[in-house]
């Protein structure tokens, strides 16, 4: 009977050690998993916060309409036209200044010759 009691104690100790090892492994791995889950939850909350912002019209800020590409192309086209128009205006102003300079020189010459 002594042998059966000894075997029973050994089996009980082994089971207790197995449970202790499971507990310790679960505690170490569990903390890692909890940290990973907390990290994932934090990232999901950040994404939610970013996607939950709206402009004054009620459109989500992160949303870019499909028509935005054509709108940008129109903006670029208008800017090119404006730039071209400004270049033409600068040329006209330059010619105007040249004409005024010539008129001023002619006027000076006229007054010098008709002073007498």
Protein backbone atom coordinates (compact mmCIF):
# COMPACT_ATOMS: atom_id res chain seq x y z
CA UNK A 1 0.00 0.00 0.00
CA UNK A 2 2.93 2.20 0.54
CA UNK A 3 3.86 1.94 -3.10
CA UNK A 4 0.39 2.99 -4.23
CA UNK A 5 0.45 5.99 -1.93
CA UNK A 6 3.91 6.96 -3.19
CA UNK A 7 2.80 6.63 -6.81
CA UNK A 8 -0.31 8.67 -6.05
CA UNK A 9 1.78 11.41 -4.45
CA UNK A 10 4.19 11.48 -7.41
CA UNK A 11 1.29 11.67 -9.86
CA UNK A 12 -0.29 14.44 -7.78
CA UNK A 13 2.99 16.39 -7.63
CA UNK A 14 3.52 15.98 -11.41
CA UNK A 15 -0.03 17.19 -12.09
CA UNK A 16 0.51 20.14 -9.78
CA UNK A 17 3.79 20.97 -11.54
CA UNK A 18 2.09 20.69 -14.96
CA UNK A 19 -0.66 23.03 -13.81
CA UNK A 20 1.91 25.43 -12.35
CA UNK A 21 3.89 25.43 -15.61
CA UNK A 22 0.66 26.00 -17.59
CA UNK A 23 -0.24 28.86 -15.28
CA UNK A 24 3.21 30.48 -15.59
CA UNK A 25 3.31 30.05 -19.38
CA UNK A 26 -0.22 31.41 -19.67
CA UNK A 27 0.70 34.37 -17.48
CA UNK A 28 3.76 35.24 -19.61
CA UNK A 29 2.05 34.61 -22.96
CA UNK A 30 -1.20 36.09 -21.70
CA UNK A 31 0.48 39.40 -20.82
CA UNK A 32 2.03 39.49 -24.29
CA UNK A 33 -1.33 38.79 -25.88
CA UNK A 34 -3.02 41.40 -23.72
CA UNK A 35 -0.42 43.97 -24.76
CA UNK A 36 -0.92 43.02 -28.41
CA UNK A 37 -4.68 43.25 -28.04
CA UNK A 38 -4.34 46.64 -26.30
CA UNK A 39 -2.04 47.80 -29.11
CA UNK A 40 -4.54 46.68 -31.76
CA UNK A 41 -7.40 48.31 -29.87
CA UNK A 42 -5.44 51.57 -29.65
CA UNK A 43 -4.79 51.51 -33.40
CA UNK A 44 -8.45 50.79 -34.16
CA UNK A 45 -9.50 53.68 -31.92
CA UNK A 46 -7.03 55.98 -33.71
CA UNK A 47 -8.45 54.94 -37.09
CA UNK A 48 -11.97 55.50 -35.81
CA UNK A 49 -11.06 58.96 -34.52
CA UNK A 50 -9.48 59.89 -37.85
CA UNK A 51 -12.43 58.62 -39.86
CA UNK A 52 -14.99 60.21 -37.55
CA UNK A 53 -14.05 63.81 -38.42
CA UNK A 54 -16.20 65.85 -40.81
CA UNK A 55 -15.87 69.22 -42.53
CA UNK A 56 -18.47 71.98 -42.36
CA UNK A 57 -20.50 70.39 -45.16
CA UNK A 58 -20.72 67.08 -43.31
CA UNK A 59 -18.30 65.27 -45.64
CA UNK A 60 -15.76 63.06 -43.90
CA UNK A 61 -12.36 64.76 -43.95
CA UNK A 62 -10.57 61.60 -45.08
CA UNK A 63 -12.91 61.22 -48.06
CA UNK A 64 -11.62 62.41 -51.42
CA UNK A 65 -14.37 62.50 -54.04
CA UNK A 66 -13.73 60.77 -57.35
CA UNK A 67 -14.43 64.05 -59.10
CA UNK A 68 -11.46 65.68 -57.33
CA UNK A 69 -9.07 64.66 -60.14
CA UNK A 70 -11.14 66.44 -62.79
CA UNK A 71 -11.55 69.42 -60.43
CA UNK A 72 -7.79 69.62 -60.01
CA UNK A 73 -7.31 69.44 -63.78
CA UNK A 74 -9.74 72.35 -64.21
CA UNK A 75 -7.89 74.36 -61.56
CA UNK A 76 -4.57 73.77 -63.31
CA UNK A 77 -6.09 74.75 -66.66
CA UNK A 78 -7.48 77.98 -65.18
CA UNK A 79 -4.14 78.79 -63.56
CA UNK A 80 -2.40 78.29 -66.89
CA UNK A 81 -4.89 80.62 -68.59
CA UNK A 82 -4.41 83.22 -65.84
CA UNK A 83 -0.65 82.96 -66.19
CA UNK A 84 -0.89 83.39 -69.95
CA UNK A 85 -3.18 86.41 -69.54
CA UNK A 86 -0.82 87.98 -67.01
CA UNK A 87 2.09 87.45 -69.40
CA UNK A 88 0.14 89.21 -72.16
CA UNK A 89 -0.71 92.06 -69.79
CA UNK A 90 2.96 92.41 -68.84
CA UNK A 91 3.90 92.63 -72.52
CA UNK A 92 1.25 95.30 -73.14
CA UNK A 93 2.47 97.29 -70.13
CA UNK A 94 6.05 97.01 -71.35
CA UNK A 95 5.06 98.31 -74.79
CA UNK A 96 3.06 101.11 -73.16
CA UNK A 97 6.11 102.17 -71.14
CA UNK A 98 8.22 102.17 -74.31
CA UNK A 99 5.68 104.33 -76.12
CA UNK A 100 5.46 106.75 -73.18
CA UNK A 101 9.26 107.00 -73.05
CA UNK A 102 9.36 107.81 -76.78
CA UNK A 103 6.61 110.41 -76.38
CA UNK A 104 8.45 112.00 -73.47
CA UNK A 105 11.67 112.23 -75.48
CA UNK A 106 9.82 113.74 -78.44
CA UNK A 107 8.13 116.23 -76.14
CA UNK A 108 11.50 117.24 -74.68
CA UNK A 109 12.92 117.68 -78.17
CA UNK A 110 9.87 119.67 -79.27
CA UNK A 111 10.08 122.05 -76.30
CA UNK A 112 13.82 122.54 -76.81
CA UNK A 113 13.37 123.44 -80.44
CA UNK A 114 10.31 125.67 -79.98
CA UNK A 115 11.56 127.52 -76.93
CA UNK A 116 13.07 130.23 -78.98
